[in-house]
Each structure stands twice: as C-alpha cells, then as structure tokens.
Amino acid sequence: MTNQPKKNSLLRRLLPPRKWRMVATIVVGAFVGLGFYIIKLSNAASYLSDDPKACVNCHVMTPQYITWNKSSHREVASCNDCHVPQDNVFNQYYFKAKDGLYHATIFTLRAEPEVIKARQPSVEVIQNNCIRCHDTRLVDAKLTATVENHEFHRTDRTCWECHREVPHGRTKSLSSVGYQIEPIPIHTPEDRNIIPSWLQSYIDEMAAKEDSVLRK
C-alpha cells in the first residue's frame, strides 16, 4: 500500500499537464502512425529475409539485381550470401542493420553516386565470402598449374579484380543494363502493359481482319 502513492506520483510526472494531454496524444499518435506507414512503405520486413528482391526496394539497385539474376550465382547464392558476414547470426544482423541504415539514408537524401561501389567494410565481407565458398578452388593443384601466379595474386588482391564479370560485371553494368523490362513485382503495376497502345490496337485490328477472313 505504501508504494501506491509513489507509483501515482511517478505517473503524474510522466504525463503532460492536463491542458496539453490532448495535443500530446495527437502528436504521439501521429508519430506512431507515421512510423508504421514508413515501415509499410519501405517494405522493412523484407530485409529480415534472404530474398534478393528486397534489394530492389531501392530502384537504384535494379541493375545489380538484374545482373545477379542473369548470372550463374543465382543458382547457388543470394545477395546475403555474398554481402553479409556469415560467421555468426548476431554479426550478420548487426552488419545488415548498419549497412541498411546507411543505404536508406543515402537513398532518402538522393545522394547515391552515379557508379555504385562497395565501401571498404563491404569489400572485406565480400572477399571473405568468396574465400568461404571457393576455398577448395584456391588450393586446387590443376588451377595453380594452369593459371600463372594464381597462388601469389590471390593473396594480394580481391577476387573480382580478375573475375570481373562475376556476377555483376562491367559488361552487364548500369550503362548496359539500365532499367530494362524485368518481372520485378514490387516495381511493376498490375495493369502494366509492355506493348504500346498503338501497337496493341494494330495487333487487335489485324487479328479481327484475320478472323473475319477465316469465317468467310
């Protein structure tokens, strides 16, 4: 019973004065609603998964998604397999949160560079994951015998300095891929038609003429 007055006094101190309670309630409600709206709008829940389509929530990453989707890596590795640490689950989600916050900030401020390159922390993670998946190839006797200085060069440079077209490559870069037609549901309206209206009208007209000829 003696604790009850203390609890009530603490509650009074936390609550705003009576004349401001309505305003405070509206402001807090607006912030909470805006927070849920941003979570929904940004499709934030998708970042907890390994689905590569989460990366194209930001439109500027569409070429990177397309080039990965057309590469051999698509069958064996997702974006997280290469771009997120795989040593333990805590480091994995910490890195995703830190990197994701940076990416979200840059995208929101429209400050993304014309040529997107991995930062140094990401370079180290990608390199480690290359070695993790391809460790047997690094010491392969046949490869060492046929590729000049492979054993030496694999220790003083990143893997993609030689393997430049895997998987995003320069020949499948932003300038060559662009925003081509690609079945990415999150960016494709349900009523989208890739055939221009004038061409669709012509096709329908030709189909009608052909149908009338067949009926005769």
Protein backbone atom coordinates (compact mmCIF):
# COMPACT_ATOMS: atom_id res chain seq x y z
CA MET A 1 0.00 0.00 0.00
CA THR A 2 2.88 2.35 0.72
CA ASN A 3 4.16 2.00 -2.86
CA GLN A 4 0.89 3.14 -4.43
CA PRO A 5 1.38 6.92 -3.87
CA LYS A 6 4.92 6.68 -5.28
CA LYS A 7 3.61 4.96 -8.43
CA ASN A 8 0.90 7.57 -8.85
CA SER A 9 3.34 10.45 -8.41
CA LEU A 10 5.69 8.91 -10.99
CA LEU A 11 2.81 8.53 -13.43
CA ARG A 12 1.81 12.18 -12.91
CA ARG A 13 5.33 13.31 -13.64
CA LEU A 14 5.43 11.29 -16.87
CA LEU A 15 2.09 12.59 -18.10
CA PRO A 16 1.91 16.11 -19.58
CA PRO A 17 -0.26 18.76 -17.88
CA ARG A 18 -3.98 18.22 -18.36
CA LYS A 19 -4.37 21.08 -20.83
CA TRP A 20 -1.67 19.57 -23.08
CA ARG A 21 -2.75 15.94 -22.91
CA MET A 22 -4.96 16.05 -25.99
CA VAL A 23 -2.23 17.71 -28.06
CA ALA A 24 0.39 15.27 -26.74
CA THR A 25 -1.86 12.30 -27.53
CA ILE A 26 -2.38 13.52 -31.10
CA VAL A 27 1.36 14.15 -31.62
CA VAL A 28 2.36 10.74 -30.22
CA GLY A 29 -0.35 9.05 -32.28
CA ALA A 30 0.85 10.85 -35.42
CA PHE A 31 4.46 9.75 -34.83
CA VAL A 32 3.42 6.14 -34.19
CA GLY A 33 1.19 6.11 -37.27
CA LEU A 34 3.93 7.68 -39.39
CA GLY A 35 6.39 5.08 -38.12
CA PHE A 36 4.09 2.20 -39.14
CA TYR A 37 3.47 3.89 -42.50
CA ILE A 38 7.21 4.18 -43.18
CA ILE A 39 7.72 0.53 -42.22
CA LYS A 40 4.96 -0.48 -44.62
CA LEU A 41 6.09 1.86 -47.41
CA SER A 42 9.72 0.74 -47.22
CA ASN A 43 8.74 -2.93 -47.03
CA ALA A 44 11.05 -3.13 -43.99
CA ALA A 45 10.04 -6.69 -43.07
CA SER A 46 11.59 -7.98 -46.32
CA TYR A 47 15.07 -7.08 -45.06
CA LEU A 48 14.80 -9.78 -42.41
CA SER A 49 14.70 -12.42 -45.16
CA ASP A 50 17.24 -13.69 -47.69
CA ASP A 51 15.03 -12.80 -50.65
CA PRO A 52 17.17 -10.91 -53.23
CA LYS A 53 14.10 -8.92 -54.28
CA ALA A 54 14.44 -6.99 -51.01
CA CYS A 55 17.44 -5.26 -52.59
CA VAL A 56 15.28 -3.70 -55.31
CA ASN A 57 13.15 -1.87 -52.78
CA CYS A 58 15.59 0.88 -53.78
CA HIS A 59 15.14 1.48 -57.52
CA VAL A 60 18.83 2.30 -57.98
CA MET A 61 19.71 -1.32 -57.21
CA THR A 62 17.67 -2.70 -60.11
CA PRO A 63 20.72 -3.20 -62.40
CA GLN A 64 22.53 -5.05 -59.63
CA TYR A 65 19.53 -7.32 -59.14
CA ILE A 66 19.13 -7.93 -62.87
CA THR A 67 22.81 -8.76 -63.43
CA TRP A 68 22.79 -11.18 -60.48
CA ASN A 69 19.56 -12.72 -61.75
CA LYS A 70 21.20 -13.42 -65.14
CA SER A 71 24.37 -14.88 -63.63
CA SER A 72 25.37 -18.38 -62.55
CA HIS A 73 25.46 -17.20 -58.93
CA ARG A 74 21.68 -17.01 -58.95
CA GLU A 75 21.51 -20.79 -58.57
CA VAL A 76 23.81 -21.02 -55.56
CA ALA A 77 23.97 -17.68 -53.71
CA SER A 78 21.63 -14.87 -52.71
CA CYS A 79 22.68 -11.27 -52.01
CA ASN A 80 23.14 -12.02 -48.31
CA ASP A 81 25.43 -14.96 -49.04
CA CYS A 82 27.95 -12.57 -50.57
CA HIS A 83 27.31 -9.18 -48.96
CA VAL A 84 26.65 -10.11 -45.31
CA PRO A 85 29.03 -11.79 -42.82
CA GLN A 86 28.33 -15.48 -42.31
CA ASP A 87 30.41 -16.13 -39.18
CA ASN A 88 27.51 -15.79 -36.71
CA VAL A 89 23.90 -14.66 -36.71
CA PHE A 90 24.49 -11.67 -34.40
CA ASN A 91 27.21 -10.19 -36.61
CA GLN A 92 25.06 -10.92 -39.65
CA TYR A 93 22.08 -8.87 -38.47
CA TYR A 94 24.28 -6.15 -36.95
CA PHE A 95 26.01 -5.67 -40.30
CA LYS A 96 22.68 -5.74 -42.15
CA ALA A 97 21.23 -3.10 -39.81
CA LYS A 98 24.29 -0.85 -40.03
CA ASP A 99 24.65 -1.16 -43.79
CA GLY A 100 20.91 -0.90 -44.33
CA LEU A 101 20.67 2.31 -42.31
CA TYR A 102 23.45 3.84 -44.40
CA HIS A 103 21.82 2.77 -47.67
CA ALA A 104 18.39 4.03 -46.56
CA THR A 105 19.87 7.41 -45.61
CA ILE A 106 21.71 7.82 -48.91
CA PHE A 107 18.66 6.76 -50.94
CA THR A 108 16.31 9.06 -48.98
CA LEU A 109 18.63 12.03 -49.47
CA ARG A 110 19.04 11.12 -53.17
CA ALA A 111 22.81 11.17 -52.67
CA GLU A 112 23.64 7.88 -54.36
CA PRO A 113 26.67 8.03 -56.69
CA GLU A 114 26.41 7.50 -60.43
CA VAL A 115 28.69 4.46 -60.12
CA ILE A 116 27.83 2.33 -57.10
CA LYS A 117 30.84 0.71 -55.46
CA ALA A 118 31.22 -1.31 -52.27
CA ARG A 119 32.71 0.50 -49.28
CA GLN A 120 35.75 -0.96 -47.53
CA PRO A 121 33.79 -2.87 -44.82
CA SER A 122 31.67 -4.44 -47.56
CA VAL A 123 34.75 -5.24 -49.65
CA GLU A 124 36.19 -7.23 -46.74
CA VAL A 125 32.92 -9.10 -46.21
CA ILE A 126 32.57 -9.97 -49.91
CA GLN A 127 36.19 -11.13 -50.12
CA ASN A 128 35.76 -13.36 -47.06
CA ASN A 129 32.61 -14.88 -48.54
CA CYS A 130 34.36 -15.53 -51.86
CA ILE A 131 37.02 -17.49 -49.98
CA ARG A 132 34.41 -19.24 -47.83
CA CYS A 133 32.57 -20.62 -50.85
CA HIS A 134 35.54 -21.21 -53.15
CA ASP A 135 38.18 -22.35 -50.65
CA THR A 136 38.79 -25.61 -52.48
CA ARG A 137 39.50 -23.75 -55.72
CA LEU A 138 42.15 -21.64 -54.04
CA VAL A 139 44.38 -24.64 -53.44
CA ASP A 140 43.38 -26.64 -56.50
CA ALA A 141 46.58 -28.11 -57.98
CA LYS A 142 45.28 -28.06 -61.57
CA LEU A 143 44.28 -24.40 -61.33
CA THR A 144 47.59 -23.44 -59.74
CA ALA A 145 49.45 -25.20 -62.55
CA THR A 146 47.47 -23.66 -65.40
CA VAL A 147 46.92 -20.07 -64.17
CA GLU A 148 50.13 -18.08 -63.93
CA ASN A 149 50.84 -16.63 -60.47
CA HIS A 150 47.38 -17.61 -59.19
CA GLU A 151 48.66 -18.57 -55.74
CA PHE A 152 50.54 -15.28 -55.43
CA HIS A 153 47.86 -12.97 -56.75
CA ARG A 154 45.07 -14.49 -54.69
CA THR A 155 46.68 -13.08 -51.56
CA ASP A 156 47.39 -9.50 -52.62
CA ARG A 157 44.14 -8.51 -54.36
CA THR A 158 40.40 -9.08 -54.26
CA CYS A 159 38.94 -11.97 -56.21
CA TRP A 160 36.89 -9.73 -58.52
CA GLU A 161 39.95 -7.85 -59.76
CA CYS A 162 40.47 -10.88 -62.01
CA HIS A 163 36.94 -12.35 -62.02
CA ARG A 164 35.38 -9.05 -63.03
CA GLU A 165 32.24 -10.36 -64.65
CA VAL A 166 31.05 -12.38 -61.63
CA PRO A 167 28.27 -11.73 -61.03
CA HIS A 168 27.61 -8.02 -61.67
CA GLY A 169 30.40 -7.35 -64.17
CA ARG A 170 31.21 -4.35 -66.32
CA THR A 171 29.62 -5.83 -69.44
CA LYS A 172 26.35 -6.03 -67.51
CA SER A 173 26.70 -2.69 -65.77
CA LEU A 174 24.32 0.21 -65.18
CA SER A 175 25.01 1.66 -68.63
CA SER A 176 24.43 -1.63 -70.47
CA VAL A 177 21.52 -2.96 -68.42
CA GLY A 178 19.64 0.19 -67.46
CA TYR A 179 16.02 -0.23 -66.47
CA GLN A 180 15.09 -2.84 -68.98
CA ILE A 181 11.87 -4.81 -68.84
CA GLU A 182 12.21 -7.23 -65.96
CA PRO A 183 9.49 -9.09 -63.99
CA ILE A 184 10.09 -7.42 -60.61
CA PRO A 185 6.62 -7.42 -58.98
CA ILE A 186 7.40 -4.73 -56.41
CA HIS A 187 8.04 -2.17 -59.17
CA THR A 188 5.55 -3.48 -61.75
CA PRO A 189 1.93 -2.24 -61.64
CA GLU A 190 -0.66 -4.96 -62.08
CA ASP A 191 -2.17 -3.21 -65.13
CA ARG A 192 1.18 -2.59 -66.82
CA ASN A 193 1.32 -3.50 -70.49
CA ILE A 194 4.71 -3.63 -72.18
CA ILE A 195 3.08 -3.34 -75.62
CA PRO A 196 2.47 0.29 -76.67
CA SER A 197 -1.20 1.18 -77.12
CA TRP A 198 -0.81 1.97 -80.83
CA LEU A 199 0.83 -1.40 -81.45
CA GLN A 200 -1.81 -3.23 -79.41
CA SER A 201 -4.54 -1.54 -81.49
CA TYR A 202 -2.81 -2.64 -84.69
CA ILE A 203 -2.48 -6.22 -83.43
CA ASP A 204 -6.16 -6.32 -82.45
CA GLU A 205 -7.15 -4.89 -85.84
CA MET A 206 -5.08 -7.46 -87.73
CA ALA A 207 -6.46 -10.27 -85.57
CA ALA A 208 -10.02 -9.12 -86.29
CA LYS A 209 -9.36 -8.99 -90.05
CA GLU A 210 -7.80 -12.45 -90.00
CA ASP A 211 -10.74 -13.79 -88.03
CA SER A 212 -13.24 -12.33 -90.49
CA VAL A 213 -11.34 -13.85 -93.41
CA LEU A 214 -11.36 -17.28 -91.79
CA ARG A 215 -15.08 -17.09 -91.15
CA LYS A 216 -15.75 -16.38 -94.83
